[in-house]
Amino acid sequence: MTIGGQTTNFIPADRFADYLVNMRSAIEAGEFDLEIAGALHGSANVGGTAEVAIPAAREGSPDDVRQAQQDAALAREGRNPDGSLAAVVRDGS
């Protein structure tokens, strides 16, 4: 599979979680449809390419960056930083 014109990609560990978010967005937008269809039908020579942005390095220590990524992932799942379910606030109607 070709991503960003390359068949082999190196993603720094501190940016990998953000890269996966971008990859998922690209997949959901259909940017890998040709590659996926080719793989499902046994084609080893699919000509499509897709661009997935490699995010810029984040500021802070690797531990701070990792914690921010984990907190963001939990928030997307509707969870608090401790993993518990986030409260649902209703307006009373």
N, C-alpha and C. Protein backbone atom coordinates (compact mmCIF):
# COMPACT_ATOMS: atom_id res chain seq x y z
N MET A 1 0.85 -1.17 0.00
CA MET A 1 0.00 0.00 0.00
C MET A 1 0.90 1.23 0.00
N THR A 2 0.56 2.21 -0.79
CA THR A 2 1.35 3.43 -0.89
C THR A 2 0.68 4.52 -0.07
N ILE A 3 1.44 5.10 0.86
CA ILE A 3 0.95 6.19 1.70
C ILE A 3 1.92 7.34 1.54
N GLY A 4 1.41 8.48 1.11
CA GLY A 4 2.27 9.65 0.93
C GLY A 4 3.38 9.39 -0.08
N GLY A 5 3.12 8.54 -1.07
CA GLY A 5 4.11 8.24 -2.10
C GLY A 5 5.15 7.22 -1.68
N GLN A 6 5.03 6.68 -0.47
CA GLN A 6 6.01 5.72 0.04
C GLN A 6 5.33 4.39 0.36
N THR A 7 6.07 3.31 0.14
CA THR A 7 5.54 2.00 0.53
C THR A 7 6.01 1.59 1.92
N THR A 8 7.02 2.30 2.44
CA THR A 8 7.49 2.10 3.81
C THR A 8 7.50 3.46 4.49
N ASN A 9 6.87 3.56 5.64
CA ASN A 9 6.77 4.83 6.34
C ASN A 9 7.27 4.70 7.76
N PHE A 10 8.05 5.67 8.21
CA PHE A 10 8.51 5.74 9.58
C PHE A 10 7.73 6.83 10.29
N ILE A 11 7.08 6.48 11.37
CA ILE A 11 6.32 7.44 12.15
C ILE A 11 6.95 7.48 13.54
N PRO A 12 7.47 8.63 13.98
CA PRO A 12 8.05 8.70 15.32
C PRO A 12 7.03 8.30 16.38
N ALA A 13 7.49 7.61 17.39
CA ALA A 13 6.60 7.08 18.43
C ALA A 13 5.75 8.17 19.07
N ASP A 14 6.32 9.36 19.28
CA ASP A 14 5.56 10.41 19.96
C ASP A 14 4.47 11.01 19.09
N ARG A 15 4.46 10.68 17.79
CA ARG A 15 3.41 11.18 16.89
C ARG A 15 2.53 10.07 16.35
N PHE A 16 2.76 8.82 16.79
CA PHE A 16 2.05 7.69 16.21
C PHE A 16 0.55 7.73 16.49
N ALA A 17 0.14 8.06 17.71
CA ALA A 17 -1.29 8.10 18.03
C ALA A 17 -2.01 9.13 17.17
N ASP A 18 -1.41 10.30 16.98
CA ASP A 18 -2.02 11.32 16.12
C ASP A 18 -2.07 10.84 14.67
N TYR A 19 -1.03 10.13 14.24
CA TYR A 19 -0.99 9.59 12.88
C TYR A 19 -2.15 8.61 12.67
N LEU A 20 -2.40 7.78 13.68
CA LEU A 20 -3.49 6.82 13.56
C LEU A 20 -4.84 7.53 13.43
N VAL A 21 -5.01 8.64 14.14
CA VAL A 21 -6.24 9.42 14.00
C VAL A 21 -6.37 9.91 12.56
N ASN A 22 -5.27 10.44 11.99
CA ASN A 22 -5.29 10.91 10.60
C ASN A 22 -5.54 9.75 9.64
N MET A 23 -4.93 8.59 9.91
CA MET A 23 -5.12 7.41 9.07
C MET A 23 -6.58 6.98 9.08
N ARG A 24 -7.17 6.95 10.27
CA ARG A 24 -8.58 6.56 10.36
C ARG A 24 -9.46 7.52 9.57
N SER A 25 -9.18 8.82 9.67
CA SER A 25 -9.95 9.81 8.92
C SER A 25 -9.82 9.58 7.42
N ALA A 26 -8.60 9.27 6.97
CA ALA A 26 -8.37 9.01 5.54
C ALA A 26 -9.13 7.76 5.09
N ILE A 27 -9.12 6.73 5.92
CA ILE A 27 -9.85 5.51 5.57
C ILE A 27 -11.34 5.78 5.50
N GLU A 28 -11.86 6.49 6.51
CA GLU A 28 -13.29 6.80 6.53
C GLU A 28 -13.70 7.73 5.39
N ALA A 29 -12.76 8.54 4.88
CA ALA A 29 -13.05 9.43 3.76
C ALA A 29 -12.96 8.70 2.42
N GLY A 30 -12.57 7.42 2.45
CA GLY A 30 -12.54 6.63 1.22
C GLY A 30 -11.23 6.70 0.47
N GLU A 31 -10.19 7.28 1.07
CA GLU A 31 -8.93 7.46 0.37
C GLU A 31 -8.18 6.15 0.14
N PHE A 32 -8.58 5.07 0.80
CA PHE A 32 -7.93 3.77 0.62
C PHE A 32 -8.84 2.76 -0.08
N ASP A 33 -9.95 3.21 -0.63
CA ASP A 33 -10.91 2.29 -1.22
C ASP A 33 -10.30 1.43 -2.33
N LEU A 34 -9.48 2.01 -3.21
CA LEU A 34 -8.86 1.22 -4.28
C LEU A 34 -7.94 0.15 -3.73
N GLU A 35 -7.13 0.51 -2.72
CA GLU A 35 -6.21 -0.45 -2.14
C GLU A 35 -6.96 -1.57 -1.44
N ILE A 36 -7.99 -1.22 -0.69
CA ILE A 36 -8.77 -2.22 0.04
C ILE A 36 -9.49 -3.15 -0.93
N ALA A 37 -10.12 -2.59 -1.97
CA ALA A 37 -10.81 -3.41 -2.96
C ALA A 37 -9.82 -4.34 -3.66
N GLY A 38 -8.64 -3.83 -4.01
CA GLY A 38 -7.63 -4.67 -4.66
C GLY A 38 -7.18 -5.81 -3.76
N ALA A 39 -6.98 -5.51 -2.48
CA ALA A 39 -6.55 -6.55 -1.55
C ALA A 39 -7.63 -7.62 -1.37
N LEU A 40 -8.89 -7.20 -1.35
CA LEU A 40 -9.98 -8.15 -1.18
C LEU A 40 -10.13 -9.07 -2.38
N HIS A 41 -9.72 -8.58 -3.55
CA HIS A 41 -9.87 -9.36 -4.78
C HIS A 41 -8.54 -9.97 -5.24
N GLY A 42 -7.56 -9.99 -4.38
CA GLY A 42 -6.31 -10.67 -4.68
C GLY A 42 -5.33 -9.91 -5.55
N SER A 43 -5.57 -8.63 -5.80
CA SER A 43 -4.66 -7.86 -6.63
C SER A 43 -3.44 -7.45 -5.82
N ALA A 44 -2.27 -7.80 -6.32
CA ALA A 44 -1.03 -7.40 -5.64
C ALA A 44 -0.48 -6.12 -6.24
N ASN A 45 -1.13 -5.60 -7.24
CA ASN A 45 -0.59 -4.45 -7.97
C ASN A 45 -1.63 -3.35 -8.08
N VAL A 46 -2.04 -2.81 -6.96
CA VAL A 46 -3.04 -1.75 -6.94
C VAL A 46 -2.34 -0.43 -7.17
N GLY A 47 -2.88 0.39 -8.06
CA GLY A 47 -2.19 1.62 -8.43
C GLY A 47 -2.58 2.85 -7.63
N GLY A 48 -3.53 2.75 -6.74
CA GLY A 48 -3.97 3.93 -6.01
C GLY A 48 -2.96 4.36 -4.97
N THR A 49 -3.00 5.63 -4.64
CA THR A 49 -2.17 6.15 -3.57
C THR A 49 -3.04 6.97 -2.63
N ALA A 50 -2.62 7.14 -1.42
CA ALA A 50 -3.36 7.93 -0.44
C ALA A 50 -2.37 8.79 0.32
N GLU A 51 -2.82 9.94 0.74
CA GLU A 51 -1.99 10.85 1.53
C GLU A 51 -2.52 10.86 2.95
N VAL A 52 -1.64 10.62 3.90
CA VAL A 52 -1.98 10.71 5.31
C VAL A 52 -0.96 11.64 5.95
N ALA A 53 -1.45 12.70 6.54
CA ALA A 53 -0.55 13.69 7.12
C ALA A 53 0.15 13.14 8.36
N ILE A 54 1.46 13.35 8.41
CA ILE A 54 2.21 13.03 9.62
C ILE A 54 2.18 14.28 10.48
N PRO A 55 1.58 14.20 11.67
CA PRO A 55 1.43 15.39 12.50
C PRO A 55 2.78 15.94 12.97
N ALA A 56 2.80 17.23 13.21
CA ALA A 56 3.99 17.88 13.74
C ALA A 56 4.25 17.39 15.16
N ALA A 57 5.50 17.46 15.56
CA ALA A 57 5.85 17.06 16.92
C ALA A 57 5.15 17.96 17.92
N ARG A 58 4.71 17.39 19.01
CA ARG A 58 4.06 18.16 20.06
C ARG A 58 5.09 18.71 21.03
N GLU A 59 4.74 19.81 21.67
CA GLU A 59 5.60 20.40 22.69
C GLU A 59 5.45 19.62 23.98
N GLY A 60 6.51 19.55 24.74
CA GLY A 60 6.46 18.90 26.05
C GLY A 60 7.30 17.64 26.08
N SER A 61 7.40 17.08 27.27
CA SER A 61 8.17 15.86 27.45
C SER A 61 7.42 14.69 26.84
N PRO A 62 8.11 13.61 26.49
CA PRO A 62 7.42 12.44 25.94
C PRO A 62 6.32 11.92 26.87
N ASP A 63 6.54 11.97 28.18
CA ASP A 63 5.51 11.51 29.12
C ASP A 63 4.28 12.40 29.08
N ASP A 64 4.48 13.72 28.98
CA ASP A 64 3.35 14.65 28.91
C ASP A 64 2.58 14.45 27.60
N VAL A 65 3.30 14.27 26.51
CA VAL A 65 2.66 14.05 25.21
C VAL A 65 1.84 12.75 25.25
N ARG A 66 2.43 11.69 25.76
CA ARG A 66 1.75 10.40 25.85
C ARG A 66 0.49 10.52 26.70
N GLN A 67 0.58 11.22 27.84
CA GLN A 67 -0.59 11.38 28.71
C GLN A 67 -1.69 12.17 28.00
N ALA A 68 -1.32 13.22 27.27
CA ALA A 68 -2.30 14.01 26.52
C ALA A 68 -2.97 13.15 25.45
N GLN A 69 -2.20 12.28 24.78
CA GLN A 69 -2.78 11.39 23.77
C GLN A 69 -3.75 10.41 24.40
N GLN A 70 -3.37 9.86 25.55
CA GLN A 70 -4.25 8.91 26.24
C GLN A 70 -5.52 9.60 26.70
N ASP A 71 -5.40 10.81 27.25
CA ASP A 71 -6.57 11.56 27.71
C ASP A 71 -7.50 11.87 26.53
N ALA A 72 -6.92 12.26 25.39
CA ALA A 72 -7.72 12.57 24.20
C ALA A 72 -8.45 11.32 23.69
N ALA A 73 -7.76 10.18 23.69
CA ALA A 73 -8.40 8.93 23.25
C ALA A 73 -9.56 8.57 24.17
N LEU A 74 -9.36 8.70 25.46
CA LEU A 74 -10.44 8.42 26.41
C LEU A 74 -11.62 9.38 26.21
N ALA A 75 -11.32 10.66 25.98
CA ALA A 75 -12.39 11.65 25.77
C ALA A 75 -13.20 11.30 24.53
N ARG A 76 -12.54 10.84 23.45
CA ARG A 76 -13.27 10.44 22.24
C ARG A 76 -14.20 9.27 22.51
N GLU A 77 -13.84 8.44 23.49
CA GLU A 77 -14.66 7.29 23.85
C GLU A 77 -15.70 7.63 24.91
N GLY A 78 -15.75 8.91 25.34
CA GLY A 78 -16.72 9.32 26.36
C GLY A 78 -16.31 8.88 27.75
N ARG A 79 -14.99 8.88 28.00
CA ARG A 79 -14.49 8.45 29.30
C ARG A 79 -13.65 9.55 29.94
N ASN A 80 -13.58 9.52 31.26
CA ASN A 80 -12.73 10.43 32.03
C ASN A 80 -11.29 9.93 31.98
N PRO A 81 -10.32 10.76 32.38
CA PRO A 81 -8.92 10.33 32.38
C PRO A 81 -8.65 9.07 33.21
N ASP A 82 -9.51 8.78 34.22
CA ASP A 82 -9.31 7.56 35.01
C ASP A 82 -9.96 6.33 34.36
N GLY A 83 -10.59 6.52 33.18
CA GLY A 83 -11.22 5.42 32.46
C GLY A 83 -12.69 5.23 32.75
N SER A 84 -13.22 5.92 33.77
CA SER A 84 -14.64 5.79 34.09
C SER A 84 -15.47 6.52 33.03
N LEU A 85 -16.73 6.12 32.92
CA LEU A 85 -17.60 6.78 31.95
C LEU A 85 -17.83 8.23 32.32
N ALA A 86 -17.82 9.10 31.32
CA ALA A 86 -18.06 10.53 31.55
C ALA A 86 -19.54 10.72 31.90
N ALA A 87 -19.81 11.67 32.73
CA ALA A 87 -21.19 11.97 33.13
C ALA A 87 -21.95 12.56 31.95
N VAL A 88 -23.22 12.24 31.89
CA VAL A 88 -24.09 12.80 30.86
C VAL A 88 -24.90 13.89 31.53
N VAL A 89 -24.78 15.11 31.03
CA VAL A 89 -25.50 16.24 31.60
C VAL A 89 -26.72 16.49 30.72
N ARG A 90 -27.86 16.57 31.35
CA ARG A 90 -29.10 16.81 30.60
C ARG A 90 -29.69 18.13 31.05
N ASP A 91 -30.48 18.74 30.17
CA ASP A 91 -31.05 20.03 30.48
C ASP A 91 -32.38 19.91 31.22
N GLY A 92 -32.81 18.71 31.55
CA GLY A 92 -34.04 18.51 32.32
C GLY A 92 -35.28 18.37 31.50
N SER A 93 -35.17 18.43 30.17
CA SER A 93 -36.38 18.28 29.36
C SER A 93 -36.61 16.85 28.96
